[in-house]
């Protein structure tokens, strides 16, 4: 009987320790301040955030939960107060959301560039450094072209390039909208031998390349700037503006900018910090 009593007491002590340990870890989790960042599929799929955000947590103690959608959807989340901070790449739309009072101030963070990807054989013969000429050839040859079609920053840039050809200019019969993120659009292009506009960061981290290659790059129009801004707590009282501002201050500081610059794939830098421009 004594043996059973001692065994029960030992078991009870172990259970108490387990409960205390769990309580301590739950308590630590509950105390970790967390902000929601609405951002783009390109910053997530390029691998930048899994690299960048742990460094911010180390520096600040603040955890960042990322909702990766197209830039248009990310900005809409800000307009609804469903995020604390926005990290996106469509400067016109960013400045508009600040002017409308839904975000406090836009800060430039970093840039990379857009590239036109297509089959190595290049059936439309558009290889070069002029995006407008390349798109004219896509249209005139009715070549396969996958558009994000998702109101993302990349989609907004693509539509600007088509618009520069003149209102109502043909996109050709091979033009298809997928309403999808950058990775799925590249997968579709790879499986169908189509052309696609991509941000260089996602392209460099993309594994399923099939016979795709970068065909058009180096045009000034392909410059791709990213901005960051805190959602306005005057519009939405629940916004964690103090912790969100901590992220903004860190990512535009020399420490945050150095982390961005140090992110590479196969020795190639994916994003170039320019907050101090």
Protein backbone atom coordinates (compact mmCIF):
# COMPACT_ATOMS: atom_id res chain seq x y z
CA UNK A 1 0.00 0.00 0.00
CA UNK A 2 2.87 2.32 0.92
CA UNK A 3 4.42 1.59 -2.47
CA UNK A 4 1.20 2.67 -4.27
CA UNK A 5 0.93 5.82 -2.16
CA UNK A 6 4.55 6.78 -2.89
CA UNK A 7 4.02 6.04 -6.60
CA UNK A 8 0.89 8.22 -6.68
CA UNK A 9 2.72 11.04 -4.88
CA UNK A 10 5.62 10.86 -7.34
CA UNK A 11 3.19 10.84 -10.28
CA UNK A 12 1.32 13.78 -8.79
CA UNK A 13 4.60 15.73 -8.41
CA UNK A 14 5.54 15.00 -12.03
CA UNK A 15 2.12 16.11 -13.26
CA UNK A 16 2.42 19.30 -11.18
CA UNK A 17 5.82 20.00 -12.74
CA UNK A 18 4.44 19.40 -16.25
CA UNK A 19 1.49 21.72 -15.57
CA UNK A 20 3.83 24.39 -14.18
CA UNK A 21 6.18 24.05 -17.17
CA UNK A 22 3.24 24.32 -19.58
CA UNK A 23 1.86 27.30 -17.68
CA UNK A 24 5.26 29.00 -17.84
CA UNK A 25 5.57 28.44 -21.60
CA UNK A 26 1.96 29.52 -22.24
CA UNK A 27 2.61 32.57 -20.05
CA UNK A 28 5.72 33.41 -22.08
CA UNK A 29 3.74 33.04 -25.31
CA UNK A 30 0.93 35.19 -23.96
CA UNK A 31 3.41 37.89 -22.99
CA UNK A 32 5.15 37.97 -26.39
CA UNK A 33 3.81 41.07 -28.17
CA UNK A 34 2.64 40.13 -31.68
CA UNK A 35 1.82 42.35 -34.64
CA UNK A 36 0.13 41.43 -37.91
CA UNK A 37 1.95 42.42 -41.08
CA UNK A 38 0.07 42.41 -44.38
CA UNK A 39 2.64 41.92 -47.10
CA UNK A 40 3.26 40.51 -50.55
CA UNK A 41 3.72 36.97 -51.75
CA UNK A 42 7.10 38.03 -53.18
CA UNK A 43 8.64 38.97 -49.82
CA UNK A 44 7.34 35.70 -48.31
CA UNK A 45 8.08 33.33 -51.22
CA UNK A 46 11.56 34.76 -51.78
CA UNK A 47 12.43 33.59 -48.25
CA UNK A 48 13.19 37.13 -47.02
CA UNK A 49 10.76 37.14 -44.07
CA UNK A 50 11.83 33.80 -42.55
CA UNK A 51 15.34 35.31 -42.63
CA UNK A 52 14.50 38.89 -41.55
CA UNK A 53 11.79 38.55 -38.90
CA UNK A 54 13.65 36.33 -36.37
CA UNK A 55 16.36 39.04 -36.33
CA UNK A 56 13.73 41.69 -35.55
CA UNK A 57 12.30 39.50 -32.77
CA UNK A 58 15.80 39.12 -31.29
CA UNK A 59 16.28 42.89 -31.36
CA UNK A 60 12.82 43.89 -30.09
CA UNK A 61 11.04 40.94 -28.47
CA UNK A 62 8.13 41.54 -30.88
CA UNK A 63 6.77 38.65 -32.94
CA UNK A 64 5.47 39.35 -36.47
CA UNK A 65 2.64 37.31 -37.98
CA UNK A 66 2.73 37.69 -41.78
CA UNK A 67 -0.35 37.53 -43.99
CA UNK A 68 1.15 37.21 -47.49
CA UNK A 69 -1.28 38.33 -50.20
CA UNK A 70 -1.05 40.60 -53.24
CA UNK A 71 -0.20 44.24 -52.51
CA UNK A 72 -3.77 45.34 -53.37
CA UNK A 73 -5.23 42.88 -50.84
CA UNK A 74 -2.58 43.84 -48.25
CA UNK A 75 -3.51 47.52 -48.58
CA UNK A 76 -7.21 46.61 -48.33
CA UNK A 77 -6.40 44.83 -45.05
CA UNK A 78 -4.90 48.12 -43.83
CA UNK A 79 -8.03 49.99 -44.91
CA UNK A 80 -10.14 47.58 -42.83
CA UNK A 81 -7.82 47.73 -39.81
CA UNK A 82 -7.01 44.01 -40.18
CA UNK A 83 -3.24 44.60 -39.97
CA UNK A 84 -0.86 46.67 -37.87
CA UNK A 85 1.79 47.29 -40.52
CA UNK A 86 1.95 47.09 -44.35
CA UNK A 87 5.08 46.02 -46.30
CA UNK A 88 4.23 46.30 -50.01
CA UNK A 89 5.43 47.37 -53.46
CA UNK A 90 3.08 49.67 -55.34
CA UNK A 91 4.16 53.23 -54.58
CA UNK A 92 1.12 54.92 -56.15
CA UNK A 93 -1.29 52.78 -54.09
CA UNK A 94 0.87 53.23 -50.96
CA UNK A 95 0.84 57.02 -51.22
CA UNK A 96 -2.92 56.92 -51.78
CA UNK A 97 -3.58 54.89 -48.62
CA UNK A 98 -1.49 57.40 -46.61
CA UNK A 99 -3.31 60.37 -48.22
CA UNK A 100 -6.66 58.76 -47.30
CA UNK A 101 -5.51 58.56 -43.65
CA UNK A 102 -5.51 54.76 -43.32
CA UNK A 103 -1.74 54.59 -42.82
CA UNK A 104 0.51 57.07 -41.02
CA UNK A 105 3.59 57.55 -43.21
CA UNK A 106 5.26 55.61 -46.01
CA UNK A 107 8.96 54.79 -45.70
CA UNK A 108 11.05 53.36 -48.56
CA UNK A 109 12.80 50.16 -47.42
CA UNK A 110 14.46 48.32 -50.30
CA UNK A 111 14.25 47.59 -54.00
CA UNK A 112 14.92 44.89 -56.52
CA UNK A 113 13.62 44.62 -60.09
CA UNK A 114 11.05 42.90 -62.22
CA UNK A 115 12.20 40.49 -64.92
CA UNK A 116 10.36 38.97 -67.87
CA UNK A 117 10.71 35.20 -67.74
CA UNK A 118 10.05 32.86 -70.63
CA UNK A 119 11.14 29.67 -72.39
CA UNK A 120 14.84 29.50 -73.27
CA UNK A 121 13.81 28.94 -76.93
CA UNK A 122 12.08 32.37 -76.80
CA UNK A 123 9.46 31.74 -79.51
CA UNK A 124 8.40 35.44 -79.59
CA UNK A 125 12.07 36.52 -79.99
CA UNK A 126 11.78 39.22 -77.34
CA UNK A 127 15.05 38.81 -75.42
CA UNK A 128 16.62 42.18 -74.54
CA UNK A 129 16.34 45.10 -72.16
CA UNK A 130 13.16 46.83 -73.35
CA UNK A 131 9.95 45.70 -71.66
CA UNK A 132 7.63 47.68 -73.98
CA UNK A 133 9.12 46.14 -77.13
CA UNK A 134 8.98 42.69 -75.53
CA UNK A 135 5.27 42.98 -74.71
CA UNK A 136 4.50 44.20 -78.25
CA UNK A 137 6.10 40.97 -79.54
CA UNK A 138 4.10 38.87 -77.06
CA UNK A 139 0.89 40.47 -78.40
CA UNK A 140 1.76 40.32 -82.11
CA UNK A 141 2.77 36.64 -81.91
CA UNK A 142 -0.17 35.65 -79.62
CA UNK A 143 2.41 34.03 -77.32
CA UNK A 144 1.38 32.43 -74.05
CA UNK A 145 1.55 34.95 -71.21
CA UNK A 146 0.55 34.29 -67.59
CA UNK A 147 -0.67 37.37 -65.72
CA UNK A 148 -0.98 37.32 -61.92
CA UNK A 149 -4.39 39.00 -62.28
CA UNK A 150 -4.55 39.43 -58.50
CA UNK A 151 -4.13 43.20 -57.92
CA UNK A 152 -0.65 42.55 -56.53
CA UNK A 153 2.27 44.97 -56.92
CA UNK A 154 3.62 42.78 -59.72
CA UNK A 155 0.22 42.75 -61.45
CA UNK A 156 -0.04 46.56 -61.09
CA UNK A 157 3.43 46.92 -62.68
CA UNK A 158 2.52 44.56 -65.52
CA UNK A 159 -0.66 46.55 -66.24
CA UNK A 160 1.41 49.78 -66.29
CA UNK A 161 3.70 48.26 -68.91
CA UNK A 162 0.77 47.21 -71.12
CA UNK A 163 -0.87 50.63 -70.67
CA UNK A 164 2.34 52.32 -71.85
CA UNK A 165 1.76 50.65 -75.25
CA UNK A 166 -1.44 52.73 -75.62
CA UNK A 167 -4.98 52.41 -74.34
CA UNK A 168 -6.65 49.29 -75.66
CA UNK A 169 -3.42 47.80 -77.04
CA UNK A 170 -3.85 44.08 -77.69
CA UNK A 171 -2.29 41.59 -75.29
CA UNK A 172 -2.66 38.78 -77.81
CA UNK A 173 -4.81 35.64 -77.62
CA UNK A 174 -2.28 33.77 -75.43
CA UNK A 175 -2.82 36.12 -72.46
CA UNK A 176 -4.26 34.39 -69.39
CA UNK A 177 -4.95 35.65 -65.85
CA UNK A 178 -4.42 33.11 -63.08
CA UNK A 179 -5.59 35.20 -60.08
CA UNK A 180 -2.70 33.67 -58.16
CA UNK A 181 0.55 34.38 -56.33
CA UNK A 182 3.99 34.67 -57.89
CA UNK A 183 5.03 31.05 -57.26
CA UNK A 184 1.90 29.51 -58.83
CA UNK A 185 2.17 31.92 -61.82
CA UNK A 186 5.77 30.79 -62.40
CA UNK A 187 4.66 27.15 -62.11
CA UNK A 188 2.00 27.74 -64.77
CA UNK A 189 4.52 29.42 -67.07
CA UNK A 190 6.96 26.53 -66.53
CA UNK A 191 4.36 23.88 -67.33
CA UNK A 192 2.92 25.65 -70.41
CA UNK A 193 6.05 27.30 -71.86
CA UNK A 194 4.57 30.79 -71.39
CA UNK A 195 6.06 34.19 -70.57
CA UNK A 196 5.50 35.80 -67.16
CA UNK A 197 6.55 38.96 -65.34
CA UNK A 198 8.16 38.16 -61.97
CA UNK A 199 10.01 39.93 -59.21
CA UNK A 200 13.65 38.83 -59.22
CA UNK A 201 13.52 37.74 -55.56
CA UNK A 202 10.86 35.07 -56.14
CA UNK A 203 12.55 33.99 -59.38
CA UNK A 204 15.90 33.44 -57.66
CA UNK A 205 14.26 31.29 -54.96
CA UNK A 206 12.04 29.40 -57.47
CA UNK A 207 13.07 25.75 -57.86
CA UNK A 208 10.72 24.42 -60.56
CA UNK A 209 12.23 26.35 -63.49
CA UNK A 210 11.82 23.72 -66.24
CA UNK A 211 13.26 25.49 -69.32
CA UNK A 212 12.42 29.04 -68.16
CA UNK A 213 15.04 31.79 -68.09
CA UNK A 214 15.28 35.56 -67.58
CA UNK A 215 14.78 37.11 -71.04
CA UNK A 216 14.17 40.82 -70.36
CA UNK A 217 15.98 42.76 -67.63
CA UNK A 218 17.78 46.04 -67.09
CA UNK A 219 15.04 48.41 -68.31
CA UNK A 220 14.68 51.36 -65.88
CA UNK A 221 10.91 50.80 -65.94
CA UNK A 222 11.46 47.42 -64.24
CA UNK A 223 12.67 49.03 -60.98
CA UNK A 224 10.68 47.58 -58.04
CA UNK A 225 10.53 49.67 -54.84
CA UNK A 226 9.15 48.38 -51.52
CA UNK A 227 7.63 50.59 -48.81
CA UNK A 228 6.53 50.07 -45.21
CA UNK A 229 3.90 51.91 -43.16
CA UNK A 230 2.00 51.65 -39.87
CA UNK A 231 -1.79 51.42 -40.06
CA UNK A 232 -3.34 54.53 -38.49
CA UNK A 233 -4.49 53.91 -34.87
CA UNK A 234 -6.62 57.07 -35.08
CA UNK A 235 -8.86 55.11 -37.50
CA UNK A 236 -8.61 51.77 -35.66
CA UNK A 237 -8.02 51.91 -31.91
CA UNK A 238 -7.01 48.22 -31.75
CA UNK A 239 -3.98 48.71 -34.04
CA UNK A 240 -0.73 47.95 -32.18
CA UNK A 241 0.91 51.10 -33.45
CA UNK A 242 3.75 51.25 -30.90
CA UNK A 243 5.04 47.74 -31.70
CA UNK A 244 4.35 48.26 -35.43
CA UNK A 245 6.44 51.45 -35.34
CA UNK A 246 9.22 49.47 -33.63
CA UNK A 247 9.31 47.23 -36.72
CA UNK A 248 9.35 50.20 -39.11
CA UNK A 249 12.12 51.93 -37.14
CA UNK A 250 14.19 48.73 -37.05
CA UNK A 251 13.77 47.75 -40.72
CA UNK A 252 14.85 51.22 -41.92
CA UNK A 253 17.72 51.39 -39.39
CA UNK A 254 21.29 50.34 -40.29
CA UNK A 255 20.71 47.05 -38.39
CA UNK A 256 17.59 46.09 -40.36
CA UNK A 257 19.03 47.32 -43.65
CA UNK A 258 22.15 45.19 -43.10
CA UNK A 259 20.02 42.08 -42.59
CA UNK A 260 18.16 42.76 -45.87
CA UNK A 261 21.46 43.23 -47.73
CA UNK A 262 22.89 40.00 -46.31
CA UNK A 263 20.03 37.82 -47.60
CA UNK A 264 21.37 35.87 -50.59
CA UNK A 265 20.56 32.77 -52.60
CA UNK A 266 23.49 31.04 -54.35
CA UNK A 267 25.58 34.13 -53.65
CA UNK A 268 23.08 36.50 -55.29
CA UNK A 269 21.60 39.36 -53.25
CA UNK A 270 17.80 39.43 -53.59
CA UNK A 271 16.91 42.87 -52.18
CA UNK A 272 18.85 46.11 -51.97
CA UNK A 273 18.20 48.34 -48.93
CA UNK A 274 17.58 52.03 -49.72
CA UNK A 275 15.78 53.47 -46.66
CA UNK A 276 18.42 56.19 -46.33
CA UNK A 277 17.94 57.35 -49.90
